[in-house]
């Protein structure tokens, strides 16, 4: 088994011509290639500016510290060449990697659980079929790297093992880090610390946060809150994929990566800021819904189009449109919602 990814395996792929319609991460963009190109033509100036500022900052302070300057820089976007380093430092993954040298390789070298191997293997061909780097005919294909990371994580965290959704997260991490071991430790940071219980068998963290979003909407967009209250379990229907996939395949890739910059630095409240911004910004459309299918369709539509494609403006909006949102508020709501779910599941009033 090939354990360590070759250095150039996940280098971004440049679109060679319009007919290819391939973005820099290897994804085929059939539908929105022209609008994506247009956005990137403008965004490249922002990226170049950020790249120079990040390079200067990291030259002056090679150790990435958590302070107001770095937080501001992260919110304005981390250039791709620095992303792996910033994500690793901000999330605590780098510290774990250094504390446990050789641990990832030891997980791959151990005897593997047959059922875990089979479950992961089943999802391989379903992971980014529209990405040329993950196709069987790719040379080298990132499928093997993806398989390794998921297998190692399944043994590392046996409570979670493997569940659908994790393959897409691991895939993005591999594309950005170009390194299996780093991707593994970032998975550990996300699933064990930033989003605990999202992927455990009961998915209590995920169920809780969907209801927390519902509570926040009641405060931040009361009219939408009233509409949604008509439909039991509505939040599970409309936002479970937003949270479980961390907006992969929901928002455009540049926007997802900008969200992840902040997620690794600031934690899970960023997921709520994104969801609230999408809902608050599209209140008018949501309030036109007259049935449950209307609501579900509307929540699909509000993640598409120019608003989410323009990642730089969108990220500015997530820190202004929802207003103040503290971890204290979220933690209190989590406690309340978690208890309600437990009561419902045990049949208590």
C-alpha atoms as a PDB file:
ATOM      1  CA  UNK A   1       0.000   0.000   0.000  1.00  0.00           C
ATOM      2  CA  UNK A   2       1.336   3.403  -0.936  1.00  0.00           C
ATOM      3  CA  UNK A   3       1.365   5.297   2.341  1.00  0.00           C
ATOM      4  CA  UNK A   4       2.844   8.669   1.556  1.00  0.00           C
ATOM      5  CA  UNK A   5       1.546  10.878  -1.162  1.00  0.00           C
ATOM      6  CA  UNK A   6       3.997  12.016  -3.804  1.00  0.00           C
ATOM      7  CA  UNK A   7       4.678  15.729  -3.506  1.00  0.00           C
ATOM      8  CA  UNK A   8       3.088  16.697  -6.807  1.00  0.00           C
ATOM      9  CA  UNK A   9       0.077  14.397  -6.665  1.00  0.00           C
ATOM     10  CA  UNK A  10      -2.456  17.092  -5.897  1.00  0.00           C
ATOM     11  CA  UNK A  11      -0.972  20.152  -7.509  1.00  0.00           C
ATOM     12  CA  UNK A  12      -3.800  22.397  -8.743  1.00  0.00           C
ATOM     13  CA  UNK A  13      -4.615  21.747 -12.374  1.00  0.00           C
ATOM     14  CA  UNK A  14      -4.873  24.752 -14.650  1.00  0.00           C
ATOM     15  CA  UNK A  15      -7.676  24.831 -17.190  1.00  0.00           C
ATOM     16  CA  UNK A  16      -5.936  24.310 -20.518  1.00  0.00           C
ATOM     17  CA  UNK A  17      -8.803  25.626 -22.629  1.00  0.00           C
ATOM     18  CA  UNK A  18     -12.512  26.359 -22.425  1.00  0.00           C
ATOM     19  CA  UNK A  19     -13.546  22.946 -23.718  1.00  0.00           C
ATOM     20  CA  UNK A  20     -11.854  21.280 -20.740  1.00  0.00           C
ATOM     21  CA  UNK A  21     -13.721  23.466 -18.254  1.00  0.00           C
ATOM     22  CA  UNK A  22     -11.467  22.289 -15.422  1.00  0.00           C
ATOM     23  CA  UNK A  23     -10.900  24.530 -12.394  1.00  0.00           C
ATOM     24  CA  UNK A  24      -7.536  24.768 -10.572  1.00  0.00           C
ATOM     25  CA  UNK A  25      -8.542  21.952  -8.183  1.00  0.00           C
ATOM     26  CA  UNK A  26      -9.354  19.402 -10.881  1.00  0.00           C
ATOM     27  CA  UNK A  27     -13.153  19.823 -10.889  1.00  0.00           C
ATOM     28  CA  UNK A  28     -15.040  19.832 -14.188  1.00  0.00           C
ATOM     29  CA  UNK A  29     -17.322  22.878 -14.306  1.00  0.00           C
ATOM     30  CA  UNK A  30     -19.902  22.224 -16.990  1.00  0.00           C
ATOM     31  CA  UNK A  31     -22.621  24.601 -15.828  1.00  0.00           C
ATOM     32  CA  UNK A  32     -20.923  27.697 -14.440  1.00  0.00           C
ATOM     33  CA  UNK A  33     -17.478  27.739 -16.055  1.00  0.00           C
ATOM     34  CA  UNK A  34     -17.919  31.163 -17.674  1.00  0.00           C
ATOM     35  CA  UNK A  35     -19.202  32.852 -14.509  1.00  0.00           C
ATOM     36  CA  UNK A  36     -16.453  31.108 -12.490  1.00  0.00           C
ATOM     37  CA  UNK A  37     -13.778  32.393 -14.915  1.00  0.00           C
ATOM     38  CA  UNK A  38     -15.244  35.892 -14.730  1.00  0.00           C
ATOM     39  CA  UNK A  39     -15.209  35.823 -10.925  1.00  0.00           C
ATOM     40  CA  UNK A  40     -11.642  34.466 -10.817  1.00  0.00           C
ATOM     41  CA  UNK A  41     -10.406  37.183 -13.195  1.00  0.00           C
ATOM     42  CA  UNK A  42     -11.443  39.767 -10.601  1.00  0.00           C
ATOM     43  CA  UNK A  43     -10.564  37.656  -7.556  1.00  0.00           C
ATOM     44  CA  UNK A  44      -6.969  37.074  -8.712  1.00  0.00           C
ATOM     45  CA  UNK A  45      -6.083  40.665  -7.763  1.00  0.00           C
ATOM     46  CA  UNK A  46      -7.363  40.023  -4.226  1.00  0.00           C
ATOM     47  CA  UNK A  47      -5.406  36.739  -4.080  1.00  0.00           C
ATOM     48  CA  UNK A  48      -2.173  38.411  -5.187  1.00  0.00           C
ATOM     49  CA  UNK A  49      -2.579  41.152  -2.592  1.00  0.00           C
ATOM     50  CA  UNK A  50      -3.320  38.655   0.181  1.00  0.00           C
ATOM     51  CA  UNK A  51      -0.425  36.441  -0.920  1.00  0.00           C
ATOM     52  CA  UNK A  52       2.099  39.284  -0.547  1.00  0.00           C
ATOM     53  CA  UNK A  53       0.742  40.257   2.863  1.00  0.00           C
ATOM     54  CA  UNK A  54       0.717  36.670   4.139  1.00  0.00           C
ATOM     55  CA  UNK A  55       4.269  36.062   2.870  1.00  0.00           C
ATOM     56  CA  UNK A  56       5.472  39.190   4.684  1.00  0.00           C
ATOM     57  CA  UNK A  57       3.659  38.216   7.893  1.00  0.00           C
ATOM     58  CA  UNK A  58       5.023  34.654   7.850  1.00  0.00           C
ATOM     59  CA  UNK A  59       8.568  35.904   7.174  1.00  0.00           C
ATOM     60  CA  UNK A  60       8.356  38.184  10.208  1.00  0.00           C
ATOM     61  CA  UNK A  61       6.611  35.583  12.416  1.00  0.00           C
ATOM     62  CA  UNK A  62       7.171  32.022  11.170  1.00  0.00           C
ATOM     63  CA  UNK A  63       5.265  30.647  14.175  1.00  0.00           C
ATOM     64  CA  UNK A  64       1.558  31.168  13.436  1.00  0.00           C
ATOM     65  CA  UNK A  65       0.018  32.754  16.528  1.00  0.00           C
ATOM     66  CA  UNK A  66      -3.627  33.393  17.310  1.00  0.00           C
ATOM     67  CA  UNK A  67      -4.050  37.155  17.527  1.00  0.00           C
ATOM     68  CA  UNK A  68      -6.221  39.898  16.046  1.00  0.00           C
ATOM     69  CA  UNK A  69      -3.919  40.462  13.060  1.00  0.00           C
ATOM     70  CA  UNK A  70      -3.902  36.788  12.045  1.00  0.00           C
ATOM     71  CA  UNK A  71      -7.671  36.545  12.633  1.00  0.00           C
ATOM     72  CA  UNK A  72      -8.215  39.531  10.316  1.00  0.00           C
ATOM     73  CA  UNK A  73      -5.896  38.003   7.712  1.00  0.00           C
ATOM     74  CA  UNK A  74      -7.711  34.646   7.897  1.00  0.00           C
ATOM     75  CA  UNK A  75     -11.102  36.318   7.423  1.00  0.00           C
ATOM     76  CA  UNK A  76      -9.772  38.078   4.326  1.00  0.00           C
ATOM     77  CA  UNK A  77      -8.580  34.762   2.897  1.00  0.00           C
ATOM     78  CA  UNK A  78      -5.556  32.483   3.054  1.00  0.00           C
ATOM     79  CA  UNK A  79      -3.717  32.045  -0.276  1.00  0.00           C
ATOM     80  CA  UNK A  80      -3.507  28.441  -1.455  1.00  0.00           C
ATOM     81  CA  UNK A  81       0.272  28.274  -1.037  1.00  0.00           C
ATOM     82  CA  UNK A  82      -0.115  28.974   2.709  1.00  0.00           C
ATOM     83  CA  UNK A  83      -3.406  27.166   3.380  1.00  0.00           C
ATOM     84  CA  UNK A  84      -2.060  23.850   4.626  1.00  0.00           C
ATOM     85  CA  UNK A  85       0.344  25.598   6.998  1.00  0.00           C
ATOM     86  CA  UNK A  86      -2.297  27.956   8.418  1.00  0.00           C
ATOM     87  CA  UNK A  87      -4.949  25.225   8.791  1.00  0.00           C
ATOM     88  CA  UNK A  88      -2.467  22.920  10.516  1.00  0.00           C
ATOM     89  CA  UNK A  89      -1.299  25.616  12.950  1.00  0.00           C
ATOM     90  CA  UNK A  90      -4.696  27.172  13.698  1.00  0.00           C
ATOM     91  CA  UNK A  91      -6.481  23.859  14.306  1.00  0.00           C
ATOM     92  CA  UNK A  92      -3.844  22.268  16.533  1.00  0.00           C
ATOM     93  CA  UNK A  93      -3.210  19.561  13.921  1.00  0.00           C
ATOM     94  CA  UNK A  94       0.474  20.511  13.563  1.00  0.00           C
ATOM     95  CA  UNK A  95       0.978  20.134  17.301  1.00  0.00           C
ATOM     96  CA  UNK A  96      -0.609  16.654  17.216  1.00  0.00           C
ATOM     97  CA  UNK A  97       1.505  15.589  14.238  1.00  0.00           C
ATOM     98  CA  UNK A  98       4.693  16.669  16.038  1.00  0.00           C
ATOM     99  CA  UNK A  99       3.635  15.009  19.293  1.00  0.00           C
ATOM    100  CA  UNK A 100       2.991  11.671  17.571  1.00  0.00           C
ATOM    101  CA  UNK A 101       5.620  11.146  14.864  1.00  0.00           C
ATOM    102  CA  UNK A 102       5.039   7.960  12.891  1.00  0.00           C
ATOM    103  CA  UNK A 103       1.532   7.480  14.322  1.00  0.00           C
ATOM    104  CA  UNK A 104      -0.224   7.820  10.956  1.00  0.00           C
ATOM    105  CA  UNK A 105       2.100   5.269   9.335  1.00  0.00           C
ATOM    106  CA  UNK A 106       1.536   2.877  12.248  1.00  0.00           C
ATOM    107  CA  UNK A 107      -2.243   3.040  11.675  1.00  0.00           C
ATOM    108  CA  UNK A 108      -1.765   2.080   8.028  1.00  0.00           C
ATOM    109  CA  UNK A 109       0.630  -0.735   8.929  1.00  0.00           C
ATOM    110  CA  UNK A 110      -1.740  -2.420  11.380  1.00  0.00           C
ATOM    111  CA  UNK A 111      -4.183  -5.199  10.531  1.00  0.00           C
ATOM    112  CA  UNK A 112      -7.329  -3.623   9.128  1.00  0.00           C
ATOM    113  CA  UNK A 113     -10.952  -4.291   9.980  1.00  0.00           C
ATOM    114  CA  UNK A 114     -12.597  -5.983   6.980  1.00  0.00           C
ATOM    115  CA  UNK A 115     -15.941  -4.241   7.345  1.00  0.00           C
ATOM    116  CA  UNK A 116     -14.293  -0.807   7.606  1.00  0.00           C
ATOM    117  CA  UNK A 117     -12.229  -1.487   4.471  1.00  0.00           C
ATOM    118  CA  UNK A 118     -15.300  -2.598   2.542  1.00  0.00           C
ATOM    119  CA  UNK A 119     -17.418   0.414   3.597  1.00  0.00           C
ATOM    120  CA  UNK A 120     -14.708   2.893   2.611  1.00  0.00           C
ATOM    121  CA  UNK A 121     -13.980   1.071  -0.646  1.00  0.00           C
ATOM    122  CA  UNK A 122     -17.675   1.260  -1.630  1.00  0.00           C
ATOM    123  CA  UNK A 123     -17.550   5.075  -1.456  1.00  0.00           C
ATOM    124  CA  UNK A 124     -14.349   5.526  -3.459  1.00  0.00           C
ATOM    125  CA  UNK A 125     -15.994   5.788  -6.893  1.00  0.00           C
ATOM    126  CA  UNK A 126     -18.683   8.114  -5.478  1.00  0.00           C
ATOM    127  CA  UNK A 127     -16.130  10.655  -4.255  1.00  0.00           C
ATOM    128  CA  UNK A 128     -15.802  13.557  -6.680  1.00  0.00           C
ATOM    129  CA  UNK A 129     -16.575  11.691  -9.915  1.00  0.00           C
ATOM    130  CA  UNK A 130     -16.344  15.114 -11.600  1.00  0.00           C
ATOM    131  CA  UNK A 131     -12.744  15.663 -10.428  1.00  0.00           C
ATOM    132  CA  UNK A 132     -10.016  14.487 -12.808  1.00  0.00           C
ATOM    133  CA  UNK A 133      -7.592  13.899  -9.904  1.00  0.00           C
ATOM    134  CA  UNK A 134      -9.875  11.297  -8.288  1.00  0.00           C
ATOM    135  CA  UNK A 135     -10.754   9.323 -11.399  1.00  0.00           C
ATOM    136  CA  UNK A 136      -9.340   5.800 -11.820  1.00  0.00           C
ATOM    137  CA  UNK A 137      -7.552   6.757 -15.006  1.00  0.00           C
ATOM    138  CA  UNK A 138      -5.767   9.713 -13.326  1.00  0.00           C
ATOM    139  CA  UNK A 139      -2.013   9.279 -13.005  1.00  0.00           C
ATOM    140  CA  UNK A 140      -1.499   9.170 -10.124  1.00  0.00           C
ATOM    141  CA  UNK A 141      -5.104   8.886  -8.876  1.00  0.00           C
ATOM    142  CA  UNK A 142      -5.828  10.402  -5.474  1.00  0.00           C
ATOM    143  CA  UNK A 143      -8.246   7.558  -4.704  1.00  0.00           C
ATOM    144  CA  UNK A 144      -5.472   5.574  -2.991  1.00  0.00           C
ATOM    145  CA  UNK A 145      -4.478   8.556  -0.837  1.00  0.00           C
ATOM    146  CA  UNK A 146      -8.126   9.129   0.063  1.00  0.00           C
ATOM    147  CA  UNK A 147      -8.569   5.463   0.968  1.00  0.00           C
ATOM    148  CA  UNK A 148      -5.460   5.557   3.188  1.00  0.00           C
ATOM    149  CA  UNK A 149      -6.564   8.657   5.106  1.00  0.00           C
ATOM    150  CA  UNK A 150     -10.088   7.309   5.725  1.00  0.00           C
ATOM    151  CA  UNK A 151      -8.796   3.874   6.735  1.00  0.00           C
ATOM    152  CA  UNK A 152      -6.268   5.369   9.164  1.00  0.00           C
ATOM    153  CA  UNK A 153      -8.898   7.656  10.658  1.00  0.00           C
ATOM    154  CA  UNK A 154     -11.353   4.759  11.045  1.00  0.00           C
ATOM    155  CA  UNK A 155      -8.815   2.911  13.198  1.00  0.00           C
ATOM    156  CA  UNK A 156      -7.756   6.064  15.052  1.00  0.00           C
ATOM    157  CA  UNK A 157     -11.331   6.923  16.081  1.00  0.00           C
ATOM    158  CA  UNK A 158     -13.187   3.635  16.327  1.00  0.00           C
ATOM    159  CA  UNK A 159     -16.297   5.284  17.823  1.00  0.00           C
ATOM    160  CA  UNK A 160     -16.787   7.122  14.538  1.00  0.00           C
ATOM    161  CA  UNK A 161     -15.130   4.648  12.166  1.00  0.00           C
ATOM    162  CA  UNK A 162     -16.373   5.853   8.791  1.00  0.00           C
ATOM    163  CA  UNK A 163     -19.585   7.490   7.656  1.00  0.00           C
ATOM    164  CA  UNK A 164     -20.664   9.127   4.411  1.00  0.00           C
ATOM    165  CA  UNK A 165     -19.622  12.737   4.130  1.00  0.00           C
ATOM    166  CA  UNK A 166     -16.168  12.086   5.561  1.00  0.00           C
ATOM    167  CA  UNK A 167     -14.899  11.036   2.112  1.00  0.00           C
ATOM    168  CA  UNK A 168     -15.615  14.497   0.666  1.00  0.00           C
ATOM    169  CA  UNK A 169     -13.959  16.255   3.597  1.00  0.00           C
ATOM    170  CA  UNK A 170     -10.854  14.056   3.344  1.00  0.00           C
ATOM    171  CA  UNK A 171     -10.788  14.643  -0.432  1.00  0.00           C
ATOM    172  CA  UNK A 172     -10.714  18.434  -0.027  1.00  0.00           C
ATOM    173  CA  UNK A 173      -8.013  18.164   2.637  1.00  0.00           C
ATOM    174  CA  UNK A 174      -5.857  16.037   0.316  1.00  0.00           C
ATOM    175  CA  UNK A 175      -6.294  18.485  -2.588  1.00  0.00           C
ATOM    176  CA  UNK A 176      -5.156  21.391  -0.403  1.00  0.00           C
ATOM    177  CA  UNK A 177      -2.430  19.819   1.761  1.00  0.00           C
ATOM    178  CA  UNK A 178      -0.989  17.497  -0.902  1.00  0.00           C
ATOM    179  CA  UNK A 179       0.002  15.306   2.037  1.00  0.00           C
ATOM    180  CA  UNK A 180      -1.799  12.264   3.484  1.00  0.00           C
ATOM    181  CA  UNK A 181      -0.497  12.682   7.025  1.00  0.00           C
ATOM    182  CA  UNK A 182      -1.494  16.350   7.219  1.00  0.00           C
ATOM    183  CA  UNK A 183      -4.930  15.518   5.797  1.00  0.00           C
ATOM    184  CA  UNK A 184      -5.307  12.841   8.498  1.00  0.00           C
ATOM    185  CA  UNK A 185      -4.450  15.223  11.358  1.00  0.00           C
ATOM    186  CA  UNK A 186      -6.779  17.904   9.967  1.00  0.00           C
ATOM    187  CA  UNK A 187      -9.559  15.267   9.896  1.00  0.00           C
ATOM    188  CA  UNK A 188      -8.736  14.579  13.542  1.00  0.00           C
ATOM    189  CA  UNK A 189      -8.971  18.310  14.362  1.00  0.00           C
ATOM    190  CA  UNK A 190     -12.320  18.678  12.601  1.00  0.00           C
ATOM    191  CA  UNK A 191     -14.050  15.501  13.756  1.00  0.00           C
ATOM    192  CA  UNK A 192     -12.635  15.219  17.276  1.00  0.00           C
ATOM    193  CA  UNK A 193     -12.382  18.842  18.409  1.00  0.00           C
ATOM    194  CA  UNK A 194     -14.083  21.368  16.111  1.00  0.00           C
ATOM    195  CA  UNK A 195     -17.203  19.271  15.349  1.00  0.00           C
ATOM    196  CA  UNK A 196     -17.436  16.575  18.038  1.00  0.00           C
ATOM    197  CA  UNK A 197     -20.346  14.121  17.680  1.00  0.00           C
ATOM    198  CA  UNK A 198     -21.177  15.188  14.124  1.00  0.00           C
ATOM    199  CA  UNK A 199     -20.093  11.833  12.725  1.00  0.00           C
ATOM    200  CA  UNK A 200     -20.618   9.499  15.704  1.00  0.00           C
ATOM    201  CA  UNK A 201     -23.288   6.790  15.209  1.00  0.00           C
ATOM    202  CA  UNK A 202     -26.003   8.863  16.934  1.00  0.00           C
ATOM    203  CA  UNK A 203     -24.863  12.088  15.187  1.00  0.00           C
ATOM    204  CA  UNK A 204     -25.960  14.014  18.269  1.00  0.00           C
ATOM    205  CA  UNK A 205     -23.711  16.986  17.475  1.00  0.00           C
ATOM    206  CA  UNK A 206     -25.217  17.345  14.006  1.00  0.00           C
ATOM    207  CA  UNK A 207     -28.823  16.951  15.224  1.00  0.00           C
ATOM    208  CA  UNK A 208     -28.191  19.509  17.964  1.00  0.00           C
ATOM    209  CA  UNK A 209     -26.631  22.109  15.666  1.00  0.00           C
ATOM    210  CA  UNK A 210     -29.503  21.872  13.167  1.00  0.00           C
ATOM    211  CA  UNK A 211     -31.904  22.776  15.984  1.00  0.00           C
ATOM    212  CA  UNK A 212     -29.532  25.493  17.244  1.00  0.00           C
ATOM    213  CA  UNK A 213     -29.705  27.064  13.783  1.00  0.00           C
ATOM    214  CA  UNK A 214     -33.508  26.969  14.041  1.00  0.00           C
ATOM    215  CA  UNK A 215     -33.337  28.831  17.365  1.00  0.00           C
ATOM    216  CA  UNK A 216     -30.938  31.423  15.930  1.00  0.00           C
ATOM    217  CA  UNK A 217     -33.231  31.985  12.930  1.00  0.00           C
ATOM    218  CA  UNK A 218     -36.138  32.719  15.311  1.00  0.00           C
ATOM    219  CA  UNK A 219     -34.064  35.587  16.720  1.00  0.00           C
ATOM    220  CA  UNK A 220     -32.250  36.819  13.598  1.00  0.00           C
ATOM    221  CA  UNK A 221     -35.016  36.308  10.987  1.00  0.00           C
ATOM    222  CA  UNK A 222     -38.294  35.902  12.952  1.00  0.00           C
ATOM    223  CA  UNK A 223     -40.571  35.735   9.888  1.00  0.00           C
ATOM    224  CA  UNK A 224     -38.558  32.813   8.464  1.00  0.00           C
ATOM    225  CA  UNK A 225     -38.572  31.216  11.918  1.00  0.00           C
ATOM    226  CA  UNK A 226     -42.388  31.365  11.980  1.00  0.00           C
ATOM    227  CA  UNK A 227     -42.631  29.829   8.508  1.00  0.00           C
ATOM    228  CA  UNK A 228     -40.238  26.987   9.380  1.00  0.00           C
ATOM    229  CA  UNK A 229     -42.111  26.247  12.629  1.00  0.00           C
ATOM    230  CA  UNK A 230     -45.032  24.971  10.508  1.00  0.00           C
ATOM    231  CA  UNK A 231     -42.953  22.001   9.358  1.00  0.00           C
ATOM    232  CA  UNK A 232     -41.696  19.474  11.948  1.00  0.00           C
ATOM    233  CA  UNK A 233     -38.071  18.318  11.467  1.00  0.00           C
ATOM    234  CA  UNK A 234     -37.633  20.913   8.713  1.00  0.00           C
ATOM    235  CA  UNK A 235     -34.070  21.825   9.681  1.00  0.00           C
ATOM    236  CA  UNK A 236     -32.911  18.220   9.226  1.00  0.00           C
ATOM    237  CA  UNK A 237     -34.357  18.274   5.704  1.00  0.00           C
ATOM    238  CA  UNK A 238     -32.871  21.568   4.571  1.00  0.00           C
ATOM    239  CA  UNK A 239     -29.504  21.976   6.302  1.00  0.00           C
ATOM    240  CA  UNK A 240     -28.179  18.545   7.330  1.00  0.00           C
ATOM    241  CA  UNK A 241     -26.060  18.355   4.145  1.00  0.00           C
ATOM    242  CA  UNK A 242     -24.790  21.912   4.713  1.00  0.00           C
ATOM    243  CA  UNK A 243     -23.338  20.901   8.056  1.00  0.00           C
ATOM    244  CA  UNK A 244     -22.328  17.263   7.490  1.00  0.00           C
ATOM    245  CA  UNK A 245     -20.376  18.115   4.305  1.00  0.00           C
ATOM    246  CA  UNK A 246     -19.156  21.482   5.647  1.00  0.00           C
ATOM    247  CA  UNK A 247     -20.719  23.124   2.558  1.00  0.00           C
ATOM    248  CA  UNK A 248     -18.839  20.909   0.034  1.00  0.00           C
ATOM    249  CA  UNK A 249     -21.010  20.531  -3.097  1.00  0.00           C
ATOM    250  CA  UNK A 250     -23.331  23.135  -1.576  1.00  0.00           C
ATOM    251  CA  UNK A 251     -21.245  26.274  -2.153  1.00  0.00           C
ATOM    252  CA  UNK A 252     -18.631  26.930  -4.874  1.00  0.00           C
ATOM    253  CA  UNK A 253     -15.177  25.575  -4.041  1.00  0.00           C
ATOM    254  CA  UNK A 254     -13.440  28.950  -3.581  1.00  0.00           C
ATOM    255  CA  UNK A 255     -16.185  29.924  -1.138  1.00  0.00           C
ATOM    256  CA  UNK A 256     -15.956  26.602   0.736  1.00  0.00           C
ATOM    257  CA  UNK A 257     -12.192  27.033   1.145  1.00  0.00           C
ATOM    258  CA  UNK A 258     -12.663  30.554   2.490  1.00  0.00           C
ATOM    259  CA  UNK A 259     -15.259  29.211   4.953  1.00  0.00           C
ATOM    260  CA  UNK A 260     -12.806  26.499   6.005  1.00  0.00           C
ATOM    261  CA  UNK A 261     -10.050  29.092   6.569  1.00  0.00           C
ATOM    262  CA  UNK A 262     -12.279  30.591   9.252  1.00  0.00           C
ATOM    263  CA  UNK A 263     -13.618  27.239  10.482  1.00  0.00           C
ATOM    264  CA  UNK A 264     -10.117  25.990  11.329  1.00  0.00           C
ATOM    265  CA  UNK A 265      -9.248  29.297  12.990  1.00  0.00           C
ATOM    266  CA  UNK A 266     -12.478  30.295  14.755  1.00  0.00           C
ATOM    267  CA  UNK A 267     -14.330  27.009  15.191  1.00  0.00           C
ATOM    268  CA  UNK A 268     -17.846  25.779  14.531  1.00  0.00           C
ATOM    269  CA  UNK A 269     -19.680  29.094  14.943  1.00  0.00           C
ATOM    270  CA  UNK A 270     -18.526  29.896  11.400  1.00  0.00           C
ATOM    271  CA  UNK A 271     -20.923  27.218  10.076  1.00  0.00           C
ATOM    272  CA  UNK A 272     -23.821  29.096  11.701  1.00  0.00           C
ATOM    273  CA  UNK A 273     -22.655  32.440  10.301  1.00  0.00           C
ATOM    274  CA  UNK A 274     -22.702  30.980   6.780  1.00  0.00           C
ATOM    275  CA  UNK A 275     -26.153  29.404   7.220  1.00  0.00           C
ATOM    276  CA  UNK A 276     -27.630  32.542   8.784  1.00  0.00           C
ATOM    277  CA  UNK A 277     -26.224  34.742   6.017  1.00  0.00           C
ATOM    278  CA  UNK A 278     -27.759  32.532   3.319  1.00  0.00           C
ATOM    279  CA  UNK A 279     -31.137  32.609   5.111  1.00  0.00           C
ATOM    280  CA  UNK A 280     -31.183  36.309   6.084  1.00  0.00           C
ATOM    281  CA  UNK A 281     -30.014  37.413   2.638  1.00  0.00           C
ATOM    282  CA  UNK A 282     -32.764  35.382   0.938  1.00  0.00           C
ATOM    283  CA  UNK A 283     -35.648  35.981   3.362  1.00  0.00           C
ATOM    284  CA  UNK A 284     -37.920  37.314   0.621  1.00  0.00           C
ATOM    285  CA  UNK A 285     -37.555  34.186  -1.525  1.00  0.00           C
ATOM    286  CA  UNK A 286     -37.950  31.822   1.451  1.00  0.00           C
ATOM    287  CA  UNK A 287     -41.114  33.581   2.637  1.00  0.00           C
ATOM    288  CA  UNK A 288     -42.746  33.013  -0.771  1.00  0.00           C
ATOM    289  CA  UNK A 289     -42.752  29.255  -0.102  1.00  0.00           C
ATOM    290  CA  UNK A 290     -46.253  27.806   0.260  1.00  0.00           C
ATOM    291  CA  UNK A 291     -45.446  24.152   0.919  1.00  0.00           C
ATOM    292  CA  UNK A 292     -42.731  21.864   2.271  1.00  0.00           C
ATOM    293  CA  UNK A 293     -41.403  21.048  -1.252  1.00  0.00           C
ATOM    294  CA  UNK A 294     -41.289  24.820  -1.947  1.00  0.00           C
ATOM    295  CA  UNK A 295     -39.185  25.386   1.177  1.00  0.00           C
ATOM    296  CA  UNK A 296     -36.785  22.541   0.314  1.00  0.00           C
ATOM    297  CA  UNK A 297     -36.373  23.769  -3.258  1.00  0.00           C
ATOM    298  CA  UNK A 298     -35.784  27.320  -2.058  1.00  0.00           C
ATOM    299  CA  UNK A 299     -33.026  26.197   0.310  1.00  0.00           C
ATOM    300  CA  UNK A 300     -31.311  24.481  -2.640  1.00  0.00           C
ATOM    301  CA  UNK A 301     -31.540  27.597  -4.790  1.00  0.00           C
ATOM    302  CA  UNK A 302     -30.223  30.086  -2.218  1.00  0.00           C
ATOM    303  CA  UNK A 303     -26.803  28.410  -2.213  1.00  0.00           C
ATOM    304  CA  UNK A 304     -26.341  28.975  -5.967  1.00  0.00           C
ATOM    305  CA  UNK A 305     -25.657  31.986  -8.129  1.00  0.00           C
ATOM    306  CA  UNK A 306     -23.610  35.169  -8.002  1.00  0.00           C
ATOM    307  CA  UNK A 307     -24.048  35.808  -4.257  1.00  0.00           C
ATOM    308  CA  UNK A 308     -22.171  32.657  -3.199  1.00  0.00           C
ATOM    309  CA  UNK A 309     -19.807  32.553  -6.201  1.00  0.00           C
ATOM    310  CA  UNK A 310     -18.258  35.917  -5.255  1.00  0.00           C
ATOM    311  CA  UNK A 311     -16.424  34.387  -2.296  1.00  0.00           C
ATOM    312  CA  UNK A 312     -14.691  37.595  -1.175  1.00  0.00           C
ATOM    313  CA  UNK A 313     -17.905  39.602  -0.822  1.00  0.00           C
ATOM    314  CA  UNK A 314     -19.759  36.599   0.605  1.00  0.00           C
ATOM    315  CA  UNK A 315     -17.180  36.191   3.373  1.00  0.00           C
ATOM    316  CA  UNK A 316     -17.486  39.867   4.270  1.00  0.00           C
ATOM    317  CA  UNK A 317     -21.252  39.345   4.549  1.00  0.00           C
ATOM    318  CA  UNK A 318     -21.037  36.362   6.933  1.00  0.00           C
ATOM    319  CA  UNK A 319     -19.350  38.594   9.512  1.00  0.00           C
ATOM    320  CA  UNK A 320     -21.866  41.442   9.153  1.00  0.00           C
ATOM    321  CA  UNK A 321     -25.345  40.200   8.124  1.00  0.00           C
ATOM    322  CA  UNK A 322     -26.017  37.850  11.072  1.00  0.00           C
ATOM    323  CA  UNK A 323     -24.872  40.451  13.624  1.00  0.00           C
ATOM    324  CA  UNK A 324     -23.192  39.364  16.867  1.00  0.00           C
ATOM    325  CA  UNK A 325     -22.853  35.640  17.486  1.00  0.00           C
ATOM    326  CA  UNK A 326     -20.801  34.435  20.423  1.00  0.00           C
ATOM    327  CA  UNK A 327     -19.732  30.911  21.355  1.00  0.00           C
ATOM    328  CA  UNK A 328     -21.427  31.515  24.729  1.00  0.00           C
ATOM    329  CA  UNK A 329     -24.775  31.961  22.963  1.00  0.00           C
ATOM    330  CA  UNK A 330     -24.190  28.878  20.808  1.00  0.00           C
ATOM    331  CA  UNK A 331     -23.120  26.749  23.775  1.00  0.00           C
ATOM    332  CA  UNK A 332     -26.253  27.703  25.760  1.00  0.00           C
ATOM    333  CA  UNK A 333     -28.471  26.870  22.794  1.00  0.00           C
ATOM    334  CA  UNK A 334     -26.622  23.592  22.269  1.00  0.00           C
ATOM    335  CA  UNK A 335     -27.290  22.601  25.856  1.00  0.00           C
ATOM    336  CA  UNK A 336     -30.992  23.456  25.526  1.00  0.00           C
ATOM    337  CA  UNK A 337     -31.462  21.734  22.131  1.00  0.00           C
ATOM    338  CA  UNK A 338     -29.487  18.652  23.101  1.00  0.00           C
ATOM    339  CA  UNK A 339     -31.699  18.169  26.156  1.00  0.00           C
ATOM    340  CA  UNK A 340     -34.848  18.576  24.048  1.00  0.00           C
ATOM    341  CA  UNK A 341     -33.612  15.929  21.587  1.00  0.00           C
ATOM    342  CA  UNK A 342     -32.740  13.517  24.395  1.00  0.00           C
ATOM    343  CA  UNK A 343     -36.177  14.051  25.961  1.00  0.00           C
ATOM    344  CA  UNK A 344     -37.925  13.421  22.619  1.00  0.00           C
ATOM    345  CA  UNK A 345     -35.874  10.288  21.969  1.00  0.00           C
ATOM    346  CA  UNK A 346     -36.666   8.902  25.428  1.00  0.00           C
ATOM    347  CA  UNK A 347     -40.369   9.816  25.090  1.00  0.00           C
ATOM    348  CA  UNK A 348     -40.284  12.408  27.865  1.00  0.00           C
ATOM    349  CA  UNK A 349     -42.442  15.542  27.553  1.00  0.00           C
END
